Amino acid sequence: MKKRQGKRHSPEQIIRKLREADTMLAAGKTIGQMVQALEISEQTFHRWRNQYGGMKAEEAKRLKELLAEAELDKAILKEAMEGNYRARRGGDDQSSTPSESGHVASQ
């Protein structure tokens, strides 16, 4: 049996293959025959089934977008926590924070 290098499938491709799998299984093919026809491992099929089960292609695309947004938010928060963020006021690149300018807000 030939071993494949890992090929990444997009969520849309995964959902399409899962639909094909359902069709093949309904037609009486075994899981072994189906995964061979789809060129995936049985383990991959079960992982995809658990992850993308009843999802439609549009839902998978939206999920991918939400995950990308979450990663961006995470990176922004990490940068802010590390102190690499410098706030801008009114588009002025020369602005400084109160501690840099020596001014302390009075109460």
Protein backbone atom coordinates (compact mmCIF):
# COMPACT_ATOMS: atom_id res chain seq x y z
CA MET A 1 0.00 0.00 0.00
CA LYS A 2 1.32 3.39 -0.99
CA LYS A 3 1.79 5.90 1.81
CA ARG A 4 0.64 9.45 0.98
CA GLN A 5 2.25 12.60 2.15
CA GLY A 6 -0.13 14.79 4.14
CA LYS A 7 -2.40 16.74 1.82
CA ARG A 8 -4.38 19.56 3.34
CA HIS A 9 -8.00 19.74 2.30
CA SER A 10 -10.05 22.91 2.59
CA PRO A 11 -13.25 22.70 4.66
CA GLU A 12 -15.25 22.85 1.43
CA GLN A 13 -13.31 19.88 -0.01
CA ILE A 14 -13.81 17.91 3.21
CA ILE A 15 -17.56 18.46 3.17
CA ARG A 16 -17.72 17.48 -0.49
CA LYS A 17 -15.82 14.25 0.26
CA LEU A 18 -18.08 13.52 3.24
CA ARG A 19 -21.13 13.87 0.98
CA GLU A 20 -19.50 11.50 -1.53
CA ALA A 21 -18.80 9.10 1.34
CA ASP A 22 -22.46 9.15 2.40
CA THR A 23 -23.51 8.40 -1.18
CA MET A 24 -21.06 5.50 -1.48
CA LEU A 25 -22.05 4.02 1.87
CA ALA A 26 -25.75 4.30 0.98
CA ALA A 27 -24.99 2.49 -2.28
CA GLY A 28 -23.65 -0.46 -0.28
CA LYS A 29 -19.89 0.13 -0.39
CA THR A 30 -17.86 -0.76 2.67
CA ILE A 31 -15.94 1.87 4.62
CA GLY A 32 -12.70 0.38 3.27
CA GLN A 33 -13.86 0.69 -0.34
CA MET A 34 -15.15 4.21 0.26
CA VAL A 35 -11.96 5.57 1.86
CA GLN A 36 -9.87 3.99 -0.88
CA ALA A 37 -12.02 5.66 -3.55
CA LEU A 38 -11.75 9.03 -1.77
CA GLU A 39 -7.99 8.55 -1.26
CA ILE A 40 -8.15 9.18 2.49
CA SER A 41 -7.45 6.99 5.50
CA GLU A 42 -10.23 5.53 7.61
CA GLN A 43 -8.89 7.52 10.57
CA THR A 44 -9.15 10.74 8.55
CA PHE A 45 -12.71 9.88 7.53
CA HIS A 46 -13.79 9.39 11.15
CA ARG A 47 -11.99 12.57 12.29
CA TRP A 48 -13.67 14.58 9.54
CA ARG A 49 -17.04 13.03 10.34
CA ASN A 50 -16.70 14.07 13.99
CA GLN A 51 -15.46 17.56 13.15
CA TYR A 52 -17.61 18.46 10.13
CA GLY A 53 -20.51 16.02 10.62
CA GLY A 54 -23.67 17.77 9.44
CA MET A 55 -22.02 21.01 8.39
CA LYS A 56 -22.68 22.66 5.05
CA ALA A 57 -19.92 24.22 2.96
CA GLU A 58 -21.03 27.78 3.80
CA GLU A 59 -20.96 26.98 7.51
CA ALA A 60 -17.47 25.52 7.24
CA LYS A 61 -16.28 28.62 5.41
CA ARG A 62 -17.74 30.87 8.13
CA LEU A 63 -16.12 28.71 10.81
CA LYS A 64 -12.76 29.12 9.07
CA GLU A 65 -13.25 32.91 8.98
CA LEU A 66 -14.17 33.02 12.67
CA LEU A 67 -11.11 30.98 13.60
CA ALA A 68 -8.88 33.34 11.58
CA GLU A 69 -10.43 36.34 13.36
CA ALA A 70 -9.86 34.68 16.73
CA GLU A 71 -6.20 34.06 15.89
CA LEU A 72 -5.79 37.71 14.88
CA ASP A 73 -7.43 38.87 18.12
CA LYS A 74 -5.13 36.55 20.05
CA ALA A 75 -2.04 37.98 18.31
CA ILE A 76 -3.18 41.55 19.02
CA LEU A 77 -3.76 40.78 22.69
CA LYS A 78 -0.39 39.05 22.97
CA GLU A 79 1.36 42.05 21.43
CA ALA A 80 -0.49 44.43 23.77
CA MET A 81 0.41 42.33 26.81
CA GLU A 82 4.08 42.35 25.79
CA GLY A 83 4.04 46.15 25.72
CA ASN A 84 4.70 46.45 21.99
CA TYR A 85 1.52 48.41 21.43
CA ARG A 86 1.71 52.18 21.28
CA ALA A 87 -1.59 54.03 21.34
CA ARG A 88 -2.20 56.76 18.81
CA ARG A 89 -4.26 59.83 19.54
CA GLY A 90 -5.95 61.63 16.70
CA GLY A 91 -3.66 60.04 14.09
CA ASP A 92 -0.59 61.74 15.58
CA ASP A 93 2.45 59.49 15.19
CA GLN A 94 4.41 61.61 17.66
CA SER A 95 2.02 61.09 20.58
CA SER A 96 3.36 59.77 23.82
CA THR A 97 1.86 58.10 26.80
CA PRO A 98 1.47 60.11 30.05
CA SER A 99 4.44 58.34 31.64
CA GLU A 100 6.69 59.25 28.70
CA SER A 101 5.74 62.93 28.71
CA GLY A 102 6.08 63.34 32.45
CA HIS A 103 2.51 64.56 32.88
CA VAL A 104 0.44 62.96 35.57
CA ALA A 105 -3.32 63.34 35.59
CA SER A 106 -4.51 65.21 38.67
CA GLN A 107 -7.48 64.03 40.67
